[in-house]
Amino acid sequence: MDDDLVAKYAAEAKAAMEAEAQRRIEEHTDRDEEERLRNLSLDEVIDGSFAVPALLSRLGAVRAALDGHGGGVALTRWTRTDTGLDLVLDLTGACLSCGAAPGTLEGVKGDLEADHEVHRVRFSAALLDTFDELGREFILAHGAVEFVAVETEP
């Protein structure tokens, strides 16, 4: 009985959080433009100016956190594979070094990897330098994301 009640409250809380996130996203975005961006082929726009907006349009509740806290994502590197796009991203703006960044990274990864055109999402290892030692240790031990070194051009 107690497990059923806990599950019921958890489901209600999740639904309420998702509804609030959607409301916040709609407050800060143009619904028609978001739909247009979601319908673009990532493979066709990945190397152009619509790449990041098209990626953002595919995010769920984590988008509300990014928009609401003055953050975003940057596309650091991408490659085409036989199974889809392999993306390396960075966080931008206020999301850097935020205590919630590990959850934000996991949310971005999960939402984008749910898209049929995306094979894998990883993050630039440079992000690790934005965390304090405890945050860095936490995300490396418990984060469900992978960090990769990105070569910079000379």
C-alpha atoms as a PDB file:
ATOM      1  CA  MET A   1       0.000   0.000   0.000  1.00  0.00           C
ATOM      2  CA  ASP A   2       2.770   2.476   0.929  1.00  0.00           C
ATOM      3  CA  ASP A   3       4.678   1.736  -2.288  1.00  0.00           C
ATOM      4  CA  ASP A   4       1.542   2.422  -4.332  1.00  0.00           C
ATOM      5  CA  LEU A   5       1.054   5.774  -2.595  1.00  0.00           C
ATOM      6  CA  VAL A   6       4.685   6.766  -3.136  1.00  0.00           C
ATOM      7  CA  ALA A   7       4.449   5.805  -6.814  1.00  0.00           C
ATOM      8  CA  LYS A   8       1.211   7.774  -7.183  1.00  0.00           C
ATOM      9  CA  TYR A   9       2.720  10.918  -5.633  1.00  0.00           C
ATOM     10  CA  ALA A  10       5.890  10.530  -7.686  1.00  0.00           C
ATOM     11  CA  ALA A  11       3.853  10.293 -10.893  1.00  0.00           C
ATOM     12  CA  GLU A  12       1.785  13.341  -9.920  1.00  0.00           C
ATOM     13  CA  ALA A  13       4.903  15.354  -9.079  1.00  0.00           C
ATOM     14  CA  LYS A  14       6.554  14.376 -12.357  1.00  0.00           C
ATOM     15  CA  ALA A  15       3.477  15.357 -14.356  1.00  0.00           C
ATOM     16  CA  ALA A  16       3.241  18.700 -12.536  1.00  0.00           C
ATOM     17  CA  MET A  17       6.925  19.441 -13.153  1.00  0.00           C
ATOM     18  CA  GLU A  18       6.638  18.568 -16.837  1.00  0.00           C
ATOM     19  CA  ALA A  19       3.538  20.760 -17.221  1.00  0.00           C
ATOM     20  CA  GLU A  20       5.292  23.680 -15.515  1.00  0.00           C
ATOM     21  CA  ALA A  21       8.377  23.208 -17.676  1.00  0.00           C
ATOM     22  CA  GLN A  22       6.242  23.200 -20.823  1.00  0.00           C
ATOM     23  CA  ARG A  23       4.452  26.360 -19.674  1.00  0.00           C
ATOM     24  CA  ARG A  24       7.778  28.111 -19.112  1.00  0.00           C
ATOM     25  CA  ILE A  25       9.136  27.009 -22.481  1.00  0.00           C
ATOM     26  CA  GLU A  26       6.028  28.327 -24.219  1.00  0.00           C
ATOM     27  CA  GLU A  27       6.401  31.681 -22.403  1.00  0.00           C
ATOM     28  CA  HIS A  28       9.889  32.183 -23.841  1.00  0.00           C
ATOM     29  CA  THR A  29       9.631  30.658 -27.288  1.00  0.00           C
ATOM     30  CA  ASP A  30       7.584  31.061 -30.436  1.00  0.00           C
ATOM     31  CA  ARG A  31       5.512  27.892 -30.781  1.00  0.00           C
ATOM     32  CA  ASP A  32       5.440  27.999 -34.593  1.00  0.00           C
ATOM     33  CA  GLU A  33       9.192  28.580 -34.849  1.00  0.00           C
ATOM     34  CA  GLU A  34       9.905  25.759 -32.397  1.00  0.00           C
ATOM     35  CA  GLU A  35       7.732  23.417 -34.452  1.00  0.00           C
ATOM     36  CA  ARG A  36       9.515  24.479 -37.650  1.00  0.00           C
ATOM     37  CA  LEU A  37      12.909  23.856 -36.026  1.00  0.00           C
ATOM     38  CA  ARG A  38      11.821  20.467 -34.664  1.00  0.00           C
ATOM     39  CA  ASN A  39      10.777  19.434 -38.157  1.00  0.00           C
ATOM     40  CA  LEU A  40      14.134  20.331 -39.717  1.00  0.00           C
ATOM     41  CA  SER A  41      16.449  17.448 -40.447  1.00  0.00           C
ATOM     42  CA  LEU A  42      19.406  17.746 -38.083  1.00  0.00           C
ATOM     43  CA  ASP A  43      21.577  16.091 -40.681  1.00  0.00           C
ATOM     44  CA  GLU A  44      20.739  18.873 -43.136  1.00  0.00           C
ATOM     45  CA  VAL A  45      21.274  21.812 -40.741  1.00  0.00           C
ATOM     46  CA  ILE A  46      24.057  20.497 -38.490  1.00  0.00           C
ATOM     47  CA  ASP A  47      26.753  22.605 -40.120  1.00  0.00           C
ATOM     48  CA  GLY A  48      24.741  25.822 -40.313  1.00  0.00           C
ATOM     49  CA  SER A  49      23.281  28.564 -38.175  1.00  0.00           C
ATOM     50  CA  PHE A  50      20.130  26.555 -37.407  1.00  0.00           C
ATOM     51  CA  ALA A  51      21.996  23.674 -35.753  1.00  0.00           C
ATOM     52  CA  VAL A  52      21.807  24.877 -32.142  1.00  0.00           C
ATOM     53  CA  PRO A  53      18.224  26.203 -32.377  1.00  0.00           C
ATOM     54  CA  ALA A  54      17.189  22.876 -33.966  1.00  0.00           C
ATOM     55  CA  LEU A  55      18.905  20.973 -31.148  1.00  0.00           C
ATOM     56  CA  LEU A  56      17.286  23.156 -28.481  1.00  0.00           C
ATOM     57  CA  SER A  57      13.850  22.616 -30.030  1.00  0.00           C
ATOM     58  CA  ARG A  58      14.235  18.896 -29.360  1.00  0.00           C
ATOM     59  CA  LEU A  59      14.771  19.322 -25.621  1.00  0.00           C
ATOM     60  CA  GLY A  60      12.042  18.581 -23.120  1.00  0.00           C
ATOM     61  CA  ALA A  61      11.806  19.864 -19.548  1.00  0.00           C
ATOM     62  CA  VAL A  62      15.550  20.580 -19.385  1.00  0.00           C
ATOM     63  CA  ARG A  63      14.930  23.366 -21.915  1.00  0.00           C
ATOM     64  CA  ALA A  64      12.992  25.287 -19.259  1.00  0.00           C
ATOM     65  CA  ALA A  65      16.013  25.156 -16.966  1.00  0.00           C
ATOM     66  CA  LEU A  66      18.349  26.342 -19.710  1.00  0.00           C
ATOM     67  CA  ASP A  67      16.069  29.181 -20.815  1.00  0.00           C
ATOM     68  CA  GLY A  68      15.050  30.169 -17.306  1.00  0.00           C
ATOM     69  CA  HIS A  69      18.582  30.359 -15.972  1.00  0.00           C
ATOM     70  CA  GLY A  70      20.237  32.126 -18.882  1.00  0.00           C
ATOM     71  CA  GLY A  71      22.034  29.103 -20.225  1.00  0.00           C
ATOM     72  CA  GLY A  72      22.275  27.225 -23.436  1.00  0.00           C
ATOM     73  CA  VAL A  73      24.293  24.743 -25.420  1.00  0.00           C
ATOM     74  CA  ALA A  74      27.040  25.109 -27.989  1.00  0.00           C
ATOM     75  CA  LEU A  75      27.847  22.559 -30.648  1.00  0.00           C
ATOM     76  CA  THR A  76      31.579  21.957 -30.267  1.00  0.00           C
ATOM     77  CA  ARG A  77      32.047  19.122 -32.733  1.00  0.00           C
ATOM     78  CA  TRP A  78      29.954  16.721 -34.747  1.00  0.00           C
ATOM     79  CA  THR A  79      30.458  13.800 -37.055  1.00  0.00           C
ATOM     80  CA  ARG A  80      28.151  11.720 -39.176  1.00  0.00           C
ATOM     81  CA  THR A  81      28.128   7.998 -38.481  1.00  0.00           C
ATOM     82  CA  ASP A  82      26.238   5.108 -40.059  1.00  0.00           C
ATOM     83  CA  THR A  83      23.775   5.272 -37.167  1.00  0.00           C
ATOM     84  CA  GLY A  84      23.321   9.055 -36.900  1.00  0.00           C
ATOM     85  CA  LEU A  85      25.027  12.176 -35.680  1.00  0.00           C
ATOM     86  CA  ASP A  86      27.685  12.007 -32.995  1.00  0.00           C
ATOM     87  CA  LEU A  87      27.578  15.318 -31.128  1.00  0.00           C
ATOM     88  CA  VAL A  88      29.949  16.970 -28.677  1.00  0.00           C
ATOM     89  CA  LEU A  89      28.331  19.845 -26.793  1.00  0.00           C
ATOM     90  CA  ASP A  90      29.229  22.497 -24.242  1.00  0.00           C
ATOM     91  CA  LEU A  91      26.982  24.331 -21.815  1.00  0.00           C
ATOM     92  CA  THR A  92      26.955  28.109 -22.128  1.00  0.00           C
ATOM     93  CA  GLY A  93      25.958  31.082 -20.042  1.00  0.00           C
ATOM     94  CA  ALA A  94      24.790  30.714 -16.482  1.00  0.00           C
ATOM     95  CA  CYS A  95      24.646  26.932 -16.775  1.00  0.00           C
ATOM     96  CA  LEU A  96      28.404  26.719 -16.479  1.00  0.00           C
ATOM     97  CA  SER A  97      29.425  25.512 -13.027  1.00  0.00           C
ATOM     98  CA  CYS A  98      25.822  25.500 -11.769  1.00  0.00           C
ATOM     99  CA  GLY A  99      25.146  22.922  -9.082  1.00  0.00           C
ATOM    100  CA  ALA A 100      22.360  21.494 -11.240  1.00  0.00           C
ATOM    101  CA  ALA A 101      24.622  21.116 -14.296  1.00  0.00           C
ATOM    102  CA  PRO A 102      25.024  17.334 -13.878  1.00  0.00           C
ATOM    103  CA  GLY A 103      21.261  16.907 -14.173  1.00  0.00           C
ATOM    104  CA  THR A 104      21.140  19.389 -17.030  1.00  0.00           C
ATOM    105  CA  LEU A 105      23.796  17.441 -18.929  1.00  0.00           C
ATOM    106  CA  GLU A 106      21.920  14.179 -18.415  1.00  0.00           C
ATOM    107  CA  GLY A 107      18.654  15.804 -19.533  1.00  0.00           C
ATOM    108  CA  VAL A 108      20.224  17.238 -22.687  1.00  0.00           C
ATOM    109  CA  LYS A 109      21.861  13.906 -23.506  1.00  0.00           C
ATOM    110  CA  GLY A 110      18.676  11.912 -22.945  1.00  0.00           C
ATOM    111  CA  ASP A 111      16.428  14.245 -24.915  1.00  0.00           C
ATOM    112  CA  LEU A 112      18.769  14.512 -27.884  1.00  0.00           C
ATOM    113  CA  GLU A 113      19.599  10.818 -28.016  1.00  0.00           C
ATOM    114  CA  ALA A 114      15.851  10.153 -28.190  1.00  0.00           C
ATOM    115  CA  ASP A 115      15.889  11.826 -31.621  1.00  0.00           C
ATOM    116  CA  HIS A 116      16.220   9.275 -34.416  1.00  0.00           C
ATOM    117  CA  GLU A 117      18.927  11.352 -36.137  1.00  0.00           C
ATOM    118  CA  VAL A 118      21.235  11.441 -33.108  1.00  0.00           C
ATOM    119  CA  HIS A 119      23.476   8.491 -32.387  1.00  0.00           C
ATOM    120  CA  ARG A 120      25.382   9.837 -29.395  1.00  0.00           C
ATOM    121  CA  VAL A 121      25.785  12.972 -27.278  1.00  0.00           C
ATOM    122  CA  ARG A 122      28.968  13.664 -25.344  1.00  0.00           C
ATOM    123  CA  PHE A 123      30.300  16.811 -23.744  1.00  0.00           C
ATOM    124  CA  SER A 124      33.529  18.736 -24.023  1.00  0.00           C
ATOM    125  CA  ALA A 125      36.018  17.883 -21.285  1.00  0.00           C
ATOM    126  CA  ALA A 126      36.613  21.631 -20.942  1.00  0.00           C
ATOM    127  CA  LEU A 127      33.302  21.756 -19.052  1.00  0.00           C
ATOM    128  CA  LEU A 128      34.923  19.861 -16.207  1.00  0.00           C
ATOM    129  CA  ASP A 129      37.185  22.856 -15.576  1.00  0.00           C
ATOM    130  CA  THR A 130      34.111  24.988 -14.783  1.00  0.00           C
ATOM    131  CA  PHE A 131      33.185  22.839 -11.775  1.00  0.00           C
ATOM    132  CA  ASP A 132      34.795  22.988  -8.378  1.00  0.00           C
ATOM    133  CA  GLU A 133      36.634  19.874  -7.238  1.00  0.00           C
ATOM    134  CA  LEU A 134      33.603  18.362  -5.489  1.00  0.00           C
ATOM    135  CA  GLY A 135      31.331  19.004  -8.470  1.00  0.00           C
ATOM    136  CA  ARG A 136      33.871  17.519 -10.861  1.00  0.00           C
ATOM    137  CA  GLU A 137      34.266  14.402  -8.709  1.00  0.00           C
ATOM    138  CA  PHE A 138      30.498  14.050  -8.413  1.00  0.00           C
ATOM    139  CA  ILE A 139      29.763  14.293 -12.115  1.00  0.00           C
ATOM    140  CA  LEU A 140      32.569  11.915 -13.037  1.00  0.00           C
ATOM    141  CA  ALA A 141      31.420   9.360 -10.461  1.00  0.00           C
ATOM    142  CA  HIS A 142      27.652   9.664 -10.812  1.00  0.00           C
ATOM    143  CA  GLY A 143      26.884  11.512 -14.028  1.00  0.00           C
ATOM    144  CA  ALA A 144      25.528   9.435 -16.856  1.00  0.00           C
ATOM    145  CA  VAL A 145      27.442  11.466 -19.436  1.00  0.00           C
ATOM    146  CA  GLU A 146      30.777  11.163 -21.183  1.00  0.00           C
ATOM    147  CA  PHE A 147      33.375  13.909 -21.571  1.00  0.00           C
ATOM    148  CA  VAL A 148      35.832  14.063 -24.452  1.00  0.00           C
ATOM    149  CA  ALA A 149      38.800  16.241 -25.215  1.00  0.00           C
ATOM    150  CA  VAL A 150      38.171  18.597 -28.091  1.00  0.00           C
ATOM    151  CA  GLU A 151      41.151  19.805 -30.044  1.00  0.00           C
ATOM    152  CA  THR A 152      41.300  23.520 -30.550  1.00  0.00           C
ATOM    153  CA  GLU A 153      42.451  25.004 -33.806  1.00  0.00           C
ATOM    154  CA  PRO A 154      45.851  26.767 -33.696  1.00  0.00           C
END
